Amino acid sequence: MRTCVGCRERAAKSDLLRIVAEPPIAAGASGPTVLTPDPRGRMPGRGAHLHPDPECLALAERRRAFGRALRADGPLDATAVQAWIDAQPGRQDASEHALRANPERADRSDERSMSTQRP
């Protein structure tokens, strides 16, 4: 079991994406630390786990959870993680996770759909 750094929900390790921090490419280069998806879980170093869901990624970035979980200082670049999540098939599963993680969101979407229906 691992905890998603975005929504803080516990899930099986196989349901989460492991993310590692890699320093800027050039030795001694300044710039943001790059967050790299590690779907196989084999890369060296500390890892943070995240549901493969854009909303969990947004929550983790807003809460600055990657810096704490990975013990990384300075700015972080999550572009590679965002691209990996966007490229995944089965985005329906991610939407179902988002509704389970934020039940009030489901209530609001139900209210919106009811208000747009005609009698």
Protein backbone atom coordinates (compact mmCIF):
# COMPACT_ATOMS: atom_id res chain seq x y z
CA MET A 1 0.00 0.00 0.00
CA ARG A 2 1.17 3.51 -0.85
CA THR A 3 -0.34 6.97 -0.44
CA CYS A 4 -0.98 9.21 -3.43
CA VAL A 5 0.81 12.54 -2.91
CA GLY A 6 -2.06 14.31 -4.69
CA CYS A 7 -5.29 13.15 -3.08
CA ARG A 8 -3.66 11.45 -0.05
CA GLU A 9 -5.75 8.30 -0.67
CA ARG A 10 -4.11 4.95 0.06
CA ALA A 11 -3.99 2.48 -2.83
CA ALA A 12 -2.12 -0.58 -3.98
CA LYS A 13 1.35 0.12 -5.31
CA SER A 14 0.33 -1.30 -8.70
CA ASP A 15 -2.47 1.30 -9.01
CA LEU A 16 -0.11 4.25 -8.55
CA LEU A 17 2.58 5.79 -10.73
CA ARG A 18 6.01 6.12 -9.15
CA ILE A 19 7.74 9.43 -9.81
CA VAL A 20 11.42 10.21 -9.23
CA ALA A 21 13.32 13.49 -9.31
CA GLU A 22 16.27 13.85 -11.67
CA PRO A 23 18.67 16.80 -11.50
CA PRO A 24 19.06 19.08 -14.52
CA ILE A 25 20.81 17.27 -17.40
CA ALA A 26 24.08 19.19 -17.64
CA ALA A 27 26.44 18.81 -14.70
CA GLY A 28 26.36 21.96 -12.62
CA ALA A 29 23.47 23.32 -14.64
CA SER A 30 20.86 25.38 -12.92
CA GLY A 31 17.23 24.98 -13.65
CA PRO A 32 14.28 23.00 -12.39
CA THR A 33 14.61 19.44 -11.18
CA VAL A 34 12.78 17.18 -13.62
CA LEU A 35 10.06 14.86 -12.32
CA THR A 36 10.22 11.62 -14.27
CA PRO A 37 7.54 8.92 -14.39
CA ASP A 38 8.83 5.49 -13.38
CA PRO A 39 5.99 3.09 -14.29
CA ARG A 40 8.16 -0.01 -13.79
CA GLY A 41 9.40 1.20 -10.39
CA ARG A 42 13.04 0.44 -11.18
CA MET A 43 14.74 3.83 -11.22
CA PRO A 44 17.13 4.61 -8.36
CA GLY A 45 16.39 7.18 -5.69
CA ARG A 46 13.42 8.27 -3.65
CA GLY A 47 10.03 7.92 -5.23
CA ALA A 48 6.67 9.56 -4.78
CA HIS A 49 3.48 7.78 -5.76
CA LEU A 50 0.58 9.35 -7.62
CA HIS A 51 -2.66 8.15 -9.18
CA PRO A 52 -2.31 8.43 -12.97
CA ASP A 53 -4.95 11.14 -12.94
CA PRO A 54 -4.55 14.77 -14.02
CA GLU A 55 -6.51 15.97 -10.98
CA CYS A 56 -4.17 14.18 -8.56
CA LEU A 57 -1.20 15.69 -10.39
CA ALA A 58 -2.73 19.16 -10.13
CA LEU A 59 -3.41 18.66 -6.42
CA ALA A 60 0.15 17.47 -5.80
CA GLU A 61 1.58 20.49 -7.64
CA ARG A 62 -0.70 22.93 -5.85
CA ARG A 63 0.18 21.46 -2.45
CA ARG A 64 3.89 21.30 -3.39
CA ALA A 65 3.83 17.67 -2.32
CA PHE A 66 6.54 16.47 -4.71
CA GLY A 67 9.20 18.64 -3.11
CA ARG A 68 8.43 17.25 0.33
CA ALA A 69 8.01 13.63 -0.74
CA LEU A 70 11.17 13.58 -2.86
CA ARG A 71 13.16 15.90 -0.57
CA ALA A 72 13.93 18.11 -3.54
CA ASP A 73 14.83 21.78 -3.25
CA GLY A 74 13.96 24.44 -5.78
CA PRO A 75 11.56 24.40 -8.70
CA LEU A 76 10.23 21.13 -10.12
CA ASP A 77 9.26 20.45 -13.73
CA ALA A 78 6.33 18.01 -14.01
CA THR A 79 5.98 18.25 -17.80
CA ALA A 80 7.11 14.64 -18.38
CA VAL A 81 4.64 13.33 -15.79
CA GLN A 82 1.80 15.33 -17.36
CA ALA A 83 2.70 13.97 -20.82
CA TRP A 84 2.81 10.39 -19.49
CA ILE A 85 -0.61 10.73 -17.84
CA ASP A 86 -2.13 12.31 -20.96
CA ALA A 87 -0.77 9.49 -23.15
CA GLN A 88 -2.34 6.71 -21.08
CA PRO A 89 -5.33 4.83 -22.44
CA GLY A 90 -8.15 4.13 -20.02
CA ARG A 91 -8.65 7.67 -18.79
CA GLN A 92 -12.15 6.54 -17.72
CA ASP A 93 -10.62 4.77 -14.72
CA ALA A 94 -8.94 8.01 -13.69
CA SER A 95 -12.27 9.84 -13.82
CA GLU A 96 -13.85 7.23 -11.59
CA HIS A 97 -10.98 7.67 -9.13
CA ALA A 98 -11.53 11.42 -9.12
CA LEU A 99 -15.18 10.96 -8.20
CA ARG A 100 -14.29 8.54 -5.39
CA ALA A 101 -11.62 10.90 -4.07
CA ASN A 102 -13.89 13.97 -4.25
CA PRO A 103 -17.49 12.87 -3.65
CA GLU A 104 -18.69 16.47 -3.44
CA ARG A 105 -17.59 16.85 -7.06
CA ALA A 106 -19.99 14.08 -8.05
CA ASP A 107 -22.80 15.86 -6.22
CA ARG A 108 -22.07 19.09 -8.08
CA SER A 109 -21.94 17.34 -11.45
CA ASP A 110 -25.28 15.66 -10.69
CA GLU A 111 -26.78 19.04 -9.79
CA ARG A 112 -25.46 20.56 -13.02
CA SER A 113 -26.86 17.76 -15.15
CA MET A 114 -30.23 18.01 -13.41
CA SER A 115 -30.40 21.76 -13.90
CA THR A 116 -29.74 21.42 -17.63
CA GLN A 117 -32.36 18.71 -18.19
CA ARG A 118 -35.70 19.76 -19.50
CA PRO A 119 -38.92 18.47 -17.87
